[in-house]
N, C-alpha and C. Protein backbone atom coordinates (compact mmCIF):
# COMPACT_ATOMS: atom_id res chain seq x y z
N UNK A 1 -16.18 -13.81 -34.61
CA UNK A 1 -15.08 -13.66 -33.53
C UNK A 1 -15.07 -14.09 -32.26
N UNK A 2 -14.23 -14.73 -32.09
CA UNK A 2 -14.62 -16.09 -30.65
C UNK A 2 -14.48 -15.38 -29.57
N UNK A 3 -13.36 -14.57 -29.30
CA UNK A 3 -13.03 -13.59 -28.15
C UNK A 3 -13.35 -12.21 -28.29
N UNK A 4 -13.89 -11.79 -27.62
CA UNK A 4 -14.77 -10.11 -26.91
C UNK A 4 -13.75 -9.28 -26.07
N UNK A 5 -12.98 -9.82 -25.21
CA UNK A 5 -12.46 -9.30 -24.19
C UNK A 5 -10.71 -9.86 -24.13
N UNK A 6 -9.55 -8.66 -24.30
CA UNK A 6 -8.41 -8.89 -23.81
C UNK A 6 -7.90 -8.42 -22.40
N UNK A 7 -7.82 -9.17 -21.55
CA UNK A 7 -7.40 -8.59 -20.24
C UNK A 7 -5.97 -9.13 -20.05
N UNK A 8 -5.22 -7.78 -19.77
CA UNK A 8 -4.02 -7.91 -19.36
C UNK A 8 -3.53 -7.74 -17.77
N UNK A 9 -2.48 -8.13 -17.29
CA UNK A 9 -2.05 -8.03 -16.22
C UNK A 9 -0.54 -6.63 -16.63
N UNK A 10 -0.34 -5.87 -15.59
CA UNK A 10 0.13 -4.40 -15.79
C UNK A 10 1.83 -4.74 -15.94
N UNK A 11 1.85 -5.02 -14.44
CA UNK A 11 3.68 -4.86 -14.29
C UNK A 11 4.13 -5.92 -14.70
N UNK A 12 5.00 -5.91 -15.38
CA UNK A 12 5.84 -7.06 -16.22
C UNK A 12 5.36 -7.35 -17.59
N UNK A 13 4.17 -6.79 -17.83
CA UNK A 13 3.57 -6.96 -19.29
C UNK A 13 3.21 -6.30 -19.99
N UNK A 14 2.88 -5.34 -19.33
CA UNK A 14 2.52 -4.32 -20.37
C UNK A 14 3.91 -3.39 -19.95
N UNK A 15 4.55 -3.28 -19.09
CA UNK A 15 5.56 -2.41 -18.62
C UNK A 15 6.72 -3.37 -18.72
N UNK A 16 7.97 -2.43 -18.56
CA UNK A 16 9.20 -3.62 -18.38
C UNK A 16 9.89 -2.53 -17.06
N UNK A 17 10.46 -3.15 -16.60
CA UNK A 17 11.37 -2.40 -15.35
C UNK A 17 10.61 -2.99 -14.16
N UNK A 18 11.21 -1.79 -13.11
CA UNK A 18 10.44 -2.13 -11.71
C UNK A 18 8.83 -2.08 -11.75
N UNK A 19 8.31 -2.84 -11.28
CA UNK A 19 6.71 -2.93 -11.18
C UNK A 19 6.61 -1.16 -9.93
N UNK A 20 5.09 -1.14 -10.07
CA UNK A 20 4.56 0.20 -9.36
C UNK A 20 4.86 0.22 -7.95
N UNK A 21 5.18 -0.67 -7.01
CA UNK A 21 5.24 -0.68 -5.94
C UNK A 21 6.63 -0.82 -5.94
N UNK A 22 7.86 -1.45 -6.41
CA UNK A 22 9.25 -1.42 -6.33
C UNK A 22 9.43 0.09 -6.73
N UNK A 23 8.84 0.71 -7.58
CA UNK A 23 9.39 2.12 -8.03
C UNK A 23 8.80 3.17 -6.74
N UNK A 24 8.34 2.96 -6.04
CA UNK A 24 8.06 3.71 -4.78
C UNK A 24 9.01 3.47 -3.62
N UNK A 25 9.36 2.52 -3.52
CA UNK A 25 9.85 1.35 -2.42
C UNK A 25 11.71 1.78 -2.73
N UNK A 26 11.73 1.99 -3.82
CA UNK A 26 13.08 2.38 -4.54
C UNK A 26 13.26 4.24 -4.11
N UNK A 27 12.38 4.61 -4.57
CA UNK A 27 12.52 6.10 -4.09
C UNK A 27 12.67 6.26 -3.00
N UNK A 28 11.86 6.32 -1.90
CA UNK A 28 12.28 6.09 -0.37
C UNK A 28 13.43 5.38 0.53
N UNK A 29 14.33 4.39 -0.60
CA UNK A 29 15.14 3.63 0.15
C UNK A 29 14.74 2.43 0.84
N UNK A 30 13.70 1.87 0.35
CA UNK A 30 13.12 1.03 1.48
C UNK A 30 12.99 -0.52 0.63
N UNK A 31 13.70 -0.90 -0.17
CA UNK A 31 13.60 -1.55 -0.99
C UNK A 31 13.93 -2.96 -0.54
N UNK A 32 14.93 -3.27 0.70
CA UNK A 32 15.21 -4.22 1.43
C UNK A 32 13.97 -4.58 2.51
N UNK A 33 13.86 -4.01 3.14
CA UNK A 33 12.71 -4.10 3.91
C UNK A 33 11.47 -4.64 3.03
N UNK A 34 10.95 -3.99 2.19
CA UNK A 34 9.88 -4.24 1.36
C UNK A 34 9.77 -5.45 0.62
N UNK A 35 11.04 -5.85 0.28
CA UNK A 35 11.61 -7.50 -0.09
C UNK A 35 11.46 -8.49 1.35
N UNK A 36 11.24 -7.99 2.46
CA UNK A 36 10.81 -8.96 3.21
C UNK A 36 9.63 -9.19 3.42
N UNK A 37 9.02 -7.77 3.28
CA UNK A 37 7.47 -7.90 3.84
C UNK A 37 6.91 -9.03 2.03
N UNK A 38 7.60 -8.84 1.25
CA UNK A 38 6.92 -9.42 0.03
C UNK A 38 7.14 -10.96 0.25
N UNK A 39 8.61 -11.37 0.74
CA UNK A 39 8.27 -12.96 0.89
C UNK A 39 7.73 -13.37 1.95
N UNK A 40 7.49 -12.38 3.09
CA UNK A 40 6.73 -13.19 3.92
C UNK A 40 5.35 -13.46 3.63
N UNK A 41 4.59 -12.13 2.90
CA UNK A 41 3.24 -12.64 1.72
C UNK A 41 4.04 -14.17 1.11
N UNK A 42 4.41 -14.52 0.12
CA UNK A 42 4.82 -14.68 -0.33
C UNK A 42 4.80 -16.84 0.04
N UNK A 43 5.63 -16.50 1.33
CA UNK A 43 5.31 -17.90 2.05
C UNK A 43 3.86 -17.47 2.91
N UNK A 44 3.07 -16.71 2.88
CA UNK A 44 1.78 -17.15 3.34
C UNK A 44 1.76 -16.74 4.72
N UNK A 45 2.53 -16.14 5.02
CA UNK A 45 2.92 -15.68 6.95
C UNK A 45 1.90 -14.79 6.91
N UNK A 46 1.45 -13.83 6.37
CA UNK A 46 0.83 -12.41 6.32
C UNK A 46 -0.23 -12.17 5.42
N UNK A 47 -1.30 -11.84 5.21
CA UNK A 47 -2.23 -11.64 4.22
C UNK A 47 -1.72 -10.63 3.27
N UNK A 48 -2.68 -10.39 2.15
CA UNK A 48 -1.88 -9.58 1.18
C UNK A 48 -2.63 -8.02 1.80
N UNK A 49 -3.52 -8.01 1.89
CA UNK A 49 -3.71 -6.58 2.84
C UNK A 49 -2.98 -6.15 3.62
N UNK A 50 -2.32 -7.10 4.80
CA UNK A 50 -1.35 -6.51 5.50
C UNK A 50 0.24 -6.46 5.12
N UNK A 51 0.48 -6.86 3.75
CA UNK A 51 1.36 -6.84 2.91
C UNK A 51 1.54 -5.51 2.62
N UNK A 52 0.29 -5.12 2.14
CA UNK A 52 0.23 -3.74 1.13
C UNK A 52 0.26 -2.74 2.51
N UNK A 53 -0.07 -2.59 3.52
CA UNK A 53 0.05 -2.19 4.62
C UNK A 53 1.35 -1.52 4.98
N UNK A 54 2.10 -2.94 5.27
CA UNK A 54 3.37 -2.73 5.60
C UNK A 54 4.11 -1.95 4.91
N UNK A 55 4.20 -2.52 3.34
CA UNK A 55 4.70 -1.68 2.23
C UNK A 55 4.78 -0.13 2.69
N UNK A 56 3.10 0.46 2.51
CA UNK A 56 2.91 1.68 2.69
C UNK A 56 3.88 2.82 3.46
N UNK A 57 3.73 1.64 4.90
CA UNK A 57 4.42 2.27 5.96
C UNK A 57 5.67 2.60 6.01
N UNK A 58 6.34 1.93 5.01
CA UNK A 58 8.07 2.11 4.81
C UNK A 58 8.28 3.96 4.05
N UNK A 59 7.14 4.32 3.45
CA UNK A 59 7.55 5.46 3.07
C UNK A 59 7.09 6.34 3.67
N UNK A 60 8.29 6.95 4.54
CA UNK A 60 8.25 8.14 5.63
C UNK A 60 9.05 9.17 5.33
N UNK A 61 8.74 10.69 5.78
CA UNK A 61 7.45 10.61 5.87
C UNK A 61 6.27 10.26 4.58
N UNK A 62 4.91 10.07 5.29
CA UNK A 62 4.00 9.74 4.08
C UNK A 62 3.69 10.76 3.60
N UNK A 63 3.79 10.98 1.86
CA UNK A 63 3.85 11.89 0.80
C UNK A 63 2.41 12.11 0.74
N UNK A 64 2.62 12.99 -0.26
CA UNK A 64 1.38 13.19 -0.94
C UNK A 64 0.93 12.16 -2.26
N UNK A 65 -0.67 12.09 -2.41
CA UNK A 65 -0.79 11.58 -3.61
C UNK A 65 -0.14 11.73 -4.95
N UNK A 66 0.14 13.61 -4.84
CA UNK A 66 0.92 13.98 -6.21
C UNK A 66 2.18 13.52 -6.07
N UNK A 67 3.19 13.84 -5.01
CA UNK A 67 4.39 12.95 -4.94
C UNK A 67 4.37 11.20 -5.73
N UNK A 68 3.24 10.86 -5.40
CA UNK A 68 2.92 9.23 -5.52
C UNK A 68 3.60 8.76 -7.43
N UNK A 69 2.47 10.25 -7.88
CA UNK A 69 2.12 10.22 -9.45
C UNK A 69 3.26 10.85 -9.77
N UNK A 70 4.12 11.54 -9.39
CA UNK A 70 5.16 11.92 -9.68
C UNK A 70 6.36 10.84 -9.78
N UNK A 71 6.46 10.29 -8.61
CA UNK A 71 7.22 8.76 -8.92
C UNK A 71 6.99 7.82 -9.94
N UNK A 72 5.54 7.55 -10.17
CA UNK A 72 5.38 6.62 -11.12
C UNK A 72 5.18 7.33 -12.85
N UNK A 73 5.55 8.31 -12.72
CA UNK A 73 5.60 8.99 -13.93
C UNK A 73 6.74 8.54 -14.71
N UNK A 74 8.12 7.47 -14.44
CA UNK A 74 8.73 7.09 -15.41
C UNK A 74 8.62 5.72 -15.40
N UNK A 75 7.42 5.38 -16.22
CA UNK A 75 7.35 3.97 -16.32
C UNK A 75 7.75 3.81 -17.71
N UNK A 76 7.93 2.35 -18.40
CA UNK A 76 8.21 2.14 -19.53
C UNK A 76 6.96 1.57 -19.97
N UNK A 77 6.70 1.49 -21.27
CA UNK A 77 5.75 0.50 -21.93
C UNK A 77 6.44 -0.42 -22.58
N UNK A 78 6.45 -2.06 -22.39
CA UNK A 78 7.17 -2.97 -23.18
C UNK A 78 6.91 -2.66 -24.61
N UNK A 79 8.35 -3.29 -25.37
CA UNK A 79 8.45 -3.23 -26.80
C UNK A 79 7.04 -3.87 -27.54
N UNK A 80 6.17 -3.35 -28.41
CA UNK A 80 6.05 -3.79 -29.06
C UNK A 80 3.84 -3.67 -28.58
N UNK A 81 4.15 -3.11 -27.55
CA UNK A 81 2.56 -3.21 -27.12
C UNK A 81 2.09 -1.82 -27.69
N UNK A 82 2.20 -1.01 -27.87
CA UNK A 82 1.46 0.05 -28.62
C UNK A 82 1.07 -0.41 -29.80
N UNK A 83 1.71 -0.71 -30.80
CA UNK A 83 1.32 -1.22 -31.99
C UNK A 83 0.13 -2.29 -31.81
N UNK A 84 0.49 -3.30 -30.49
CA UNK A 84 -0.28 -4.42 -30.81
C UNK A 84 -1.70 -3.99 -30.21
N UNK A 85 -2.08 -3.23 -29.30
CA UNK A 85 -2.51 -2.49 -28.46
C UNK A 85 -3.56 -1.79 -29.77
N UNK A 86 -3.21 -1.19 -30.26
CA UNK A 86 -3.85 -0.60 -31.77
C UNK A 86 -4.45 -1.66 -32.83
N UNK A 87 -3.64 -3.03 -32.91
CA UNK A 87 -4.58 -3.83 -33.85
C UNK A 87 -5.41 -4.50 -32.80
N UNK A 88 -5.25 -5.05 -31.76
CA UNK A 88 -6.27 -5.23 -31.35
C UNK A 88 -7.36 -4.83 -31.45
N UNK A 89 -7.47 -3.01 -30.69
CA UNK A 89 -8.86 -2.58 -30.62
C UNK A 89 -9.28 -2.10 -32.05
N UNK A 90 -8.23 -2.43 -33.57
CA UNK A 90 -9.07 -1.85 -34.31
C UNK A 90 -9.52 -3.28 -35.03
N UNK A 91 -9.12 -4.46 -34.54
CA UNK A 91 -10.45 -5.91 -34.89
C UNK A 91 -11.29 -5.85 -33.67
N UNK A 92 -11.65 -4.65 -33.05
CA UNK A 92 -13.15 -4.75 -32.23
C UNK A 92 -12.85 -5.43 -31.01
N UNK A 93 -12.03 -6.02 -30.65
CA UNK A 93 -11.81 -6.08 -29.49
C UNK A 93 -12.18 -5.23 -27.53
N UNK A 94 -12.79 -5.66 -26.84
CA UNK A 94 -12.49 -5.11 -25.67
C UNK A 94 -11.25 -5.17 -25.12
N UNK A 95 -10.74 -4.29 -24.14
CA UNK A 95 -9.24 -4.57 -23.24
C UNK A 95 -9.80 -3.81 -22.41
N UNK A 96 -8.92 -4.63 -21.24
CA UNK A 96 -8.91 -4.51 -19.85
C UNK A 96 -7.53 -4.78 -19.63
N UNK A 97 -7.05 -3.84 -17.99
CA UNK A 97 -5.96 -4.01 -17.33
C UNK A 97 -6.60 -4.62 -15.66
N UNK A 98 -6.33 -5.91 -15.64
CA UNK A 98 -6.22 -6.35 -14.14
C UNK A 98 -5.05 -6.32 -13.60
N UNK A 99 -4.95 -5.67 -12.49
CA UNK A 99 -3.50 -5.57 -11.53
C UNK A 99 -3.58 -5.47 -10.10
N UNK A 100 -2.67 -6.02 -9.69
CA UNK A 100 -2.46 -5.96 -8.35
C UNK A 100 -1.37 -4.85 -8.00
N UNK A 101 -0.88 -3.93 -8.85
CA UNK A 101 -0.20 -2.55 -8.94
C UNK A 101 -1.33 -1.36 -8.76
N UNK A 102 -0.42 -0.54 -8.58
CA UNK A 102 -1.37 0.92 -7.96
C UNK A 102 -1.87 1.56 -9.39
N UNK A 103 -3.28 1.61 -9.17
CA UNK A 103 -4.49 2.48 -10.11
C UNK A 103 -3.59 4.03 -10.26
N UNK A 104 -3.05 4.50 -10.04
CA UNK A 104 -2.54 5.83 -10.38
C UNK A 104 -1.72 5.02 -11.88
N UNK A 105 -0.87 4.67 -11.65
CA UNK A 105 0.17 3.87 -12.80
C UNK A 105 -0.70 3.42 -13.77
N UNK A 106 -1.86 2.09 -13.42
CA UNK A 106 -2.73 1.91 -14.67
C UNK A 106 -3.88 2.87 -15.13
N UNK A 107 -3.89 3.60 -14.80
CA UNK A 107 -4.80 4.37 -15.15
C UNK A 107 -4.02 5.35 -16.25
N UNK A 108 -3.07 5.52 -16.02
CA UNK A 108 -1.90 6.20 -17.06
C UNK A 108 -1.71 5.43 -17.97
N UNK A 109 -1.57 4.33 -17.77
CA UNK A 109 -1.25 3.11 -18.85
C UNK A 109 -2.48 3.04 -19.83
N UNK A 110 -3.78 3.10 -19.00
CA UNK A 110 -4.70 2.57 -19.73
C UNK A 110 -5.18 3.76 -20.61
N UNK A 111 -4.55 5.20 -20.05
CA UNK A 111 -5.32 6.46 -21.12
C UNK A 111 -4.40 6.29 -22.36
N UNK A 112 -2.97 6.27 -22.13
CA UNK A 112 -2.34 6.10 -23.24
C UNK A 112 -2.19 4.90 -24.24
N UNK A 113 -2.92 3.68 -23.68
CA UNK A 113 -3.20 2.50 -24.86
C UNK A 113 -4.36 2.54 -25.08
N UNK A 114 -5.36 3.18 -24.55
CA UNK A 114 -6.88 3.47 -25.22
C UNK A 114 -7.16 2.37 -24.47
N UNK A 115 -7.12 1.68 -23.26
CA UNK A 115 -7.60 0.52 -22.74
C UNK A 115 -8.81 1.22 -21.63
N UNK A 116 -9.99 0.38 -21.92
CA UNK A 116 -11.32 0.78 -21.38
C UNK A 116 -11.44 0.55 -20.55
N UNK A 117 -10.88 -0.40 -19.85
CA UNK A 117 -11.38 -0.86 -18.32
C UNK A 117 -10.03 -1.39 -17.51
N UNK A 118 -10.50 -0.60 -16.26
CA UNK A 118 -9.28 -1.10 -15.05
C UNK A 118 -9.74 -1.14 -13.85
N UNK A 119 -8.72 -2.03 -13.46
CA UNK A 119 -9.55 -2.62 -12.06
C UNK A 119 -7.91 -3.13 -11.53
N UNK A 120 -7.56 -2.32 -10.31
CA UNK A 120 -6.28 -1.95 -9.67
C UNK A 120 -6.35 -1.67 -8.10
N UNK A 121 -5.23 -1.87 -7.72
CA UNK A 121 -5.20 -1.34 -6.15
C UNK A 121 -5.11 0.31 -6.07
N UNK A 122 -5.29 0.82 -4.83
CA UNK A 122 -5.29 2.09 -4.74
C UNK A 122 -4.45 2.42 -3.20
N UNK A 123 -4.83 4.01 -3.06
CA UNK A 123 -3.86 4.08 -1.77
C UNK A 123 -4.78 5.56 -1.34
N UNK A 124 -5.40 4.97 -0.21
CA UNK A 124 -6.19 6.00 0.85
C UNK A 124 -5.83 7.41 1.12
N UNK A 125 -6.37 8.38 1.05
CA UNK A 125 -5.39 9.78 1.17
C UNK A 125 -6.76 10.41 1.89
N UNK A 126 -5.98 11.74 2.90
CA UNK A 126 -6.70 12.46 3.33
C UNK A 126 -7.50 13.81 2.93
N UNK A 127 -7.80 14.46 3.56
CA UNK A 127 -8.53 15.54 2.57
C UNK A 127 -7.26 16.65 2.42
N UNK A 128 -6.57 16.15 2.81
CA UNK A 128 -5.24 17.33 2.46
C UNK A 128 -4.53 16.55 1.19
N UNK A 129 -4.62 15.21 0.87
CA UNK A 129 -4.27 14.75 -0.57
C UNK A 129 -3.12 13.69 0.31
N UNK A 130 -2.70 13.74 1.71
CA UNK A 130 -1.47 12.82 1.83
C UNK A 130 -1.95 11.41 2.02
N UNK A 131 -1.09 10.67 2.14
CA UNK A 131 -1.61 9.23 2.02
C UNK A 131 -1.88 9.02 3.61
N UNK A 132 -2.83 8.22 4.21
CA UNK A 132 -3.23 7.68 5.51
C UNK A 132 -2.30 6.53 5.89
N UNK A 133 -1.82 5.91 4.91
CA UNK A 133 -1.00 4.34 5.65
C UNK A 133 -1.84 3.67 5.16
N UNK A 134 -3.17 3.85 4.55
CA UNK A 134 -4.21 2.73 4.29
C UNK A 134 -3.80 2.32 2.69
N UNK A 135 -4.41 0.89 2.50
CA UNK A 135 -4.40 0.72 1.10
C UNK A 135 -6.17 0.46 0.78
N UNK A 136 -6.32 0.53 -0.59
CA UNK A 136 -7.21 0.47 -1.03
C UNK A 136 -7.37 -1.17 -2.09
N UNK A 137 -7.46 -2.13 -1.40
CA UNK A 137 -7.20 -3.42 -1.94
C UNK A 137 -8.75 -4.02 -2.81
N UNK A 138 -8.52 -4.27 -4.51
CA UNK A 138 -9.68 -4.33 -4.96
C UNK A 138 -9.10 -5.72 -5.93
N UNK A 139 -7.37 -5.71 -5.77
CA UNK A 139 -6.91 -7.44 -6.71
C UNK A 139 -6.04 -8.01 -6.08
N UNK A 140 -6.43 -8.95 -5.53
CA UNK A 140 -5.27 -9.93 -4.76
C UNK A 140 -4.72 -10.53 -6.03
N UNK A 141 -3.02 -10.30 -6.41
CA UNK A 141 -2.47 -11.07 -6.96
C UNK A 141 -2.56 -12.59 -7.34
N UNK A 142 -2.84 -13.05 -6.30
CA UNK A 142 -3.34 -14.72 -6.84
C UNK A 142 -4.77 -15.18 -6.68
N UNK A 143 -5.63 -13.77 -7.04
CA UNK A 143 -7.04 -14.13 -7.29
C UNK A 143 -7.72 -13.20 -7.88
N UNK A 144 -6.65 -12.94 -9.54
CA UNK A 144 -7.04 -12.33 -10.37
C UNK A 144 -8.30 -12.68 -11.16
N UNK A 145 -8.17 -13.99 -10.98
CA UNK A 145 -9.74 -14.81 -11.52
C UNK A 145 -10.82 -14.01 -10.88
N UNK A 146 -10.63 -14.07 -10.03
CA UNK A 146 -12.15 -13.34 -9.07
C UNK A 146 -12.40 -11.93 -9.86
N UNK A 147 -11.46 -10.91 -10.19
CA UNK A 147 -11.65 -10.23 -10.59
C UNK A 147 -12.23 -10.17 -11.97
N UNK A 148 -11.45 -10.90 -12.57
CA UNK A 148 -11.63 -11.30 -14.14
C UNK A 148 -13.64 -11.84 -14.04
N UNK A 149 -13.53 -12.23 -13.74
CA UNK A 149 -14.77 -13.16 -13.57
C UNK A 149 -16.03 -11.90 -13.22
N UNK A 150 -15.59 -11.11 -11.95
CA UNK A 150 -16.85 -10.13 -11.74
C UNK A 150 -16.94 -8.80 -13.13
N UNK A 151 -15.73 -8.24 -13.48
CA UNK A 151 -15.69 -7.85 -14.78
C UNK A 151 -16.43 -8.44 -15.86
N UNK A 152 -16.04 -9.66 -16.27
CA UNK A 152 -17.15 -9.81 -17.39
C UNK A 152 -18.14 -9.89 -17.03
N UNK A 153 -18.87 -9.62 -16.12
CA UNK A 153 -19.99 -9.98 -15.61
C UNK A 153 -20.50 -8.50 -15.79
N UNK A 154 -19.72 -7.56 -15.54
CA UNK A 154 -20.27 -6.06 -15.63
C UNK A 154 -20.47 -5.56 -16.90
N UNK A 155 -19.05 -6.31 -17.85
CA UNK A 155 -19.44 -5.48 -19.23
C UNK A 155 -19.93 -6.58 -20.35
N UNK A 156 -20.43 -7.51 -19.67
CA UNK A 156 -21.31 -8.12 -19.96
C UNK A 156 -20.75 -9.58 -21.58
N UNK A 157 -19.77 -9.99 -20.77
CA UNK A 157 -19.33 -11.14 -21.81
C UNK A 157 -18.93 -12.24 -20.92
N UNK A 158 -18.40 -13.49 -21.42
CA UNK A 158 -18.18 -14.68 -20.51
C UNK A 158 -16.93 -14.60 -20.24
N UNK A 159 -16.67 -15.71 -19.69
CA UNK A 159 -15.34 -16.20 -19.38
C UNK A 159 -14.49 -16.89 -20.56
N UNK A 160 -15.76 -17.73 -21.28
CA UNK A 160 -14.81 -18.24 -22.02
C UNK A 160 -14.44 -17.57 -23.38
N UNK A 161 -15.15 -16.12 -23.65
CA UNK A 161 -14.90 -14.93 -24.31
C UNK A 161 -13.63 -14.12 -24.24
N UNK A 162 -12.92 -14.49 -22.94
CA UNK A 162 -11.96 -13.49 -22.66
C UNK A 162 -10.39 -14.44 -22.95
N UNK A 163 -9.58 -13.02 -23.25
CA UNK A 163 -8.56 -13.70 -23.24
C UNK A 163 -7.27 -12.71 -22.23
N UNK A 164 -6.71 -13.80 -21.65
CA UNK A 164 -5.49 -13.02 -20.37
C UNK A 164 -4.43 -13.22 -20.58
N UNK A 165 -3.81 -12.17 -20.42
CA UNK A 165 -2.31 -12.50 -20.66
C UNK A 165 -1.59 -11.64 -19.85
N UNK A 166 -0.72 -12.81 -19.01
CA UNK A 166 0.16 -12.34 -17.69
C UNK A 166 1.82 -12.52 -18.34
N UNK A 167 2.50 -12.51 -17.03
CA UNK A 167 3.99 -12.85 -17.31
C UNK A 167 4.33 -13.35 -15.96
N UNK A 168 3.56 -13.78 -15.01
CA UNK A 168 4.64 -14.60 -13.93
C UNK A 168 3.29 -15.07 -13.41
N UNK A 169 4.11 -16.31 -12.09
CA UNK A 169 3.44 -17.28 -11.50
C UNK A 169 2.04 -16.61 -10.83
N UNK A 170 2.12 -15.61 -10.76
CA UNK A 170 1.16 -15.35 -10.04
C UNK A 170 -0.11 -14.79 -10.48
N UNK A 171 -0.06 -15.02 -12.16
CA UNK A 171 -1.35 -14.86 -12.62
C UNK A 171 -1.55 -16.21 -13.33
N UNK A 172 -1.45 -17.65 -12.78
CA UNK A 172 -1.89 -18.83 -13.12
C UNK A 172 -2.93 -18.49 -13.31
N UNK A 173 -3.69 -18.14 -12.11
CA UNK A 173 -5.38 -18.36 -12.11
C UNK A 173 -6.34 -17.60 -13.17
N UNK A 174 -5.32 -16.52 -13.02
CA UNK A 174 -6.23 -15.50 -14.04
C UNK A 174 -5.78 -16.23 -15.63
N UNK A 175 -5.41 -16.73 -15.96
CA UNK A 175 -4.69 -17.43 -17.38
C UNK A 175 -5.60 -18.56 -17.13
N UNK A 176 -5.77 -19.44 -16.21
CA UNK A 176 -6.82 -20.42 -16.22
C UNK A 176 -8.12 -20.46 -16.22
N UNK A 177 -8.89 -19.07 -15.72
CA UNK A 177 -10.19 -18.81 -15.64
C UNK A 177 -10.52 -18.65 -17.25
N UNK A 178 -9.33 -18.16 -17.99
CA UNK A 178 -10.04 -17.20 -19.31
C UNK A 178 -10.39 -18.63 -20.50
N UNK A 179 -11.13 -18.27 -21.38
CA UNK A 179 -11.14 -19.08 -22.62
C UNK A 179 -9.90 -19.29 -23.19
N UNK A 180 -8.70 -18.10 -22.95
CA UNK A 180 -7.51 -18.16 -23.71
C UNK A 180 -6.41 -17.66 -22.92
N UNK A 181 -5.94 -18.41 -22.34
CA UNK A 181 -4.65 -18.33 -21.43
C UNK A 181 -3.09 -17.79 -21.99
N UNK A 182 -2.54 -16.67 -22.15
CA UNK A 182 -1.41 -16.30 -22.65
C UNK A 182 -0.67 -16.06 -21.78
N UNK A 183 1.03 -16.64 -21.76
CA UNK A 183 2.08 -16.04 -20.96
C UNK A 183 2.93 -15.58 -21.94
N UNK A 184 3.13 -14.50 -21.58
CA UNK A 184 4.27 -13.70 -22.26
C UNK A 184 5.41 -13.78 -21.21
N UNK A 185 6.87 -14.23 -22.17
CA UNK A 185 7.82 -14.37 -21.49
C UNK A 185 8.20 -15.55 -21.03
N UNK A 186 9.25 -15.55 -19.83
CA UNK A 186 9.41 -17.18 -19.69
C UNK A 186 9.36 -17.87 -18.52
N UNK A 187 8.35 -17.82 -17.39
CA UNK A 187 8.09 -17.71 -16.37
C UNK A 187 7.53 -19.48 -16.46
N UNK A 188 8.20 -20.22 -15.86
CA UNK A 188 7.99 -21.84 -16.14
C UNK A 188 6.48 -22.10 -15.44
N UNK A 189 6.58 -21.67 -14.55
CA UNK A 189 5.48 -22.16 -13.79
C UNK A 189 4.10 -21.63 -14.26
N UNK A 190 3.86 -20.52 -15.00
CA UNK A 190 2.89 -19.86 -15.33
C UNK A 190 2.69 -20.38 -17.31
N UNK A 191 4.09 -20.91 -17.89
CA UNK A 191 4.30 -21.82 -19.03
C UNK A 191 3.06 -23.02 -18.63
N UNK A 192 3.03 -23.64 -17.90
CA UNK A 192 2.59 -25.02 -17.25
C UNK A 192 0.96 -24.58 -17.31
N UNK A 193 0.65 -23.88 -17.07
CA UNK A 193 -0.82 -23.84 -17.04
C UNK A 193 -1.81 -22.87 -18.47
N UNK A 194 -0.79 -22.23 -19.13
CA UNK A 194 -0.98 -21.24 -20.04
C UNK A 194 -1.46 -22.24 -21.21
N UNK A 195 -2.34 -21.57 -22.25
CA UNK A 195 -2.60 -22.29 -23.29
C UNK A 195 -1.82 -21.94 -24.23
N UNK A 196 -0.92 -20.89 -24.45
CA UNK A 196 -0.14 -20.20 -25.73
C UNK A 196 0.67 -19.65 -24.86
N UNK A 197 2.46 -19.83 -25.40
CA UNK A 197 3.62 -19.00 -24.59
C UNK A 197 3.88 -18.40 -25.63
N UNK A 198 4.02 -16.66 -25.71
CA UNK A 198 4.61 -16.33 -26.65
C UNK A 198 6.22 -15.53 -25.94
N UNK A 199 6.69 -14.88 -26.53
CA UNK A 199 7.94 -14.25 -25.90
C UNK A 199 8.15 -12.89 -26.31
N UNK A 200 6.69 -12.29 -27.52
CA UNK A 200 7.20 -10.51 -27.53
C UNK A 200 5.45 -10.44 -27.97
N UNK A 201 5.12 -9.54 -27.31
CA UNK A 201 3.47 -8.91 -27.88
C UNK A 201 3.49 -8.61 -29.50
N UNK A 202 4.36 -8.85 -29.86
CA UNK A 202 4.47 -8.74 -32.01
C UNK A 202 3.36 -9.96 -32.41
N UNK A 203 3.40 -10.76 -31.79
CA UNK A 203 2.68 -12.33 -32.21
C UNK A 203 1.48 -12.15 -31.69
N UNK A 204 0.91 -11.90 -30.78
CA UNK A 204 -0.58 -11.52 -30.34
C UNK A 204 -1.52 -11.49 -31.53
N UNK A 205 -1.70 -10.19 -32.30
CA UNK A 205 -2.55 -10.32 -32.98
C UNK A 205 -3.02 -11.30 -33.81
N UNK A 206 -2.04 -12.06 -34.79
CA UNK A 206 -1.77 -13.00 -35.34
C UNK A 206 -2.48 -14.09 -34.04
N UNK A 207 -2.16 -14.20 -33.17
CA UNK A 207 -2.69 -15.65 -32.40
C UNK A 207 -3.97 -15.53 -32.27
N UNK A 208 -4.93 -14.76 -31.89
CA UNK A 208 -6.16 -13.84 -32.08
C UNK A 208 -6.70 -14.79 -33.44
N UNK A 209 -5.94 -14.20 -34.13
CA UNK A 209 -6.65 -14.63 -35.78
C UNK A 209 -6.78 -15.98 -35.84
N UNK A 210 -6.28 -17.10 -35.49
CA UNK A 210 -6.52 -18.04 -35.90
C UNK A 210 -6.81 -19.06 -34.56
N UNK A 211 -6.87 -18.88 -33.39
CA UNK A 211 -7.40 -19.60 -31.93
C UNK A 211 -8.97 -19.18 -31.55
């Protein structure tokens, strides 16, 4: 078996609909302000930690972590993902989620899909369980390659033995650093750097058989 680890982006890859940050911003009626923060980060005007800090500051009054868990409970798994993950695990591959999304949701999905490794961003809370307004940054969306590199060292595989699966331009370095980069969907920027482009998860196990 050439590959040993299949690492997935989460939002837009394993899930459909709004990403984890958007789900919370929608709940607090902060979509417009959050969009401005995102665009400022995307233009390079603010750092990613500052973007996260500004997003959390929109959630007023600052909620409990239990409330955030409730908001994130309405996620939707993408079509064919459950079936594909069962087959991938049956074939003996290790699996991981690497996402700049929120760890609460990433852990929920990992538990549902039996994914063994999760690296995601978090929300700092105080002793009462309320958010402090600070984020816990573990994954920069433009530097998922660094996260994957560290994960491979932790679990004892090489980057060449990894398959990286993502859906947006922010996954470009993630896919480029892996032995096999798989773009799912139609993002043209990601397709340019991917080794393979698929439209649906149904084809992923067969893909792994032949590459």
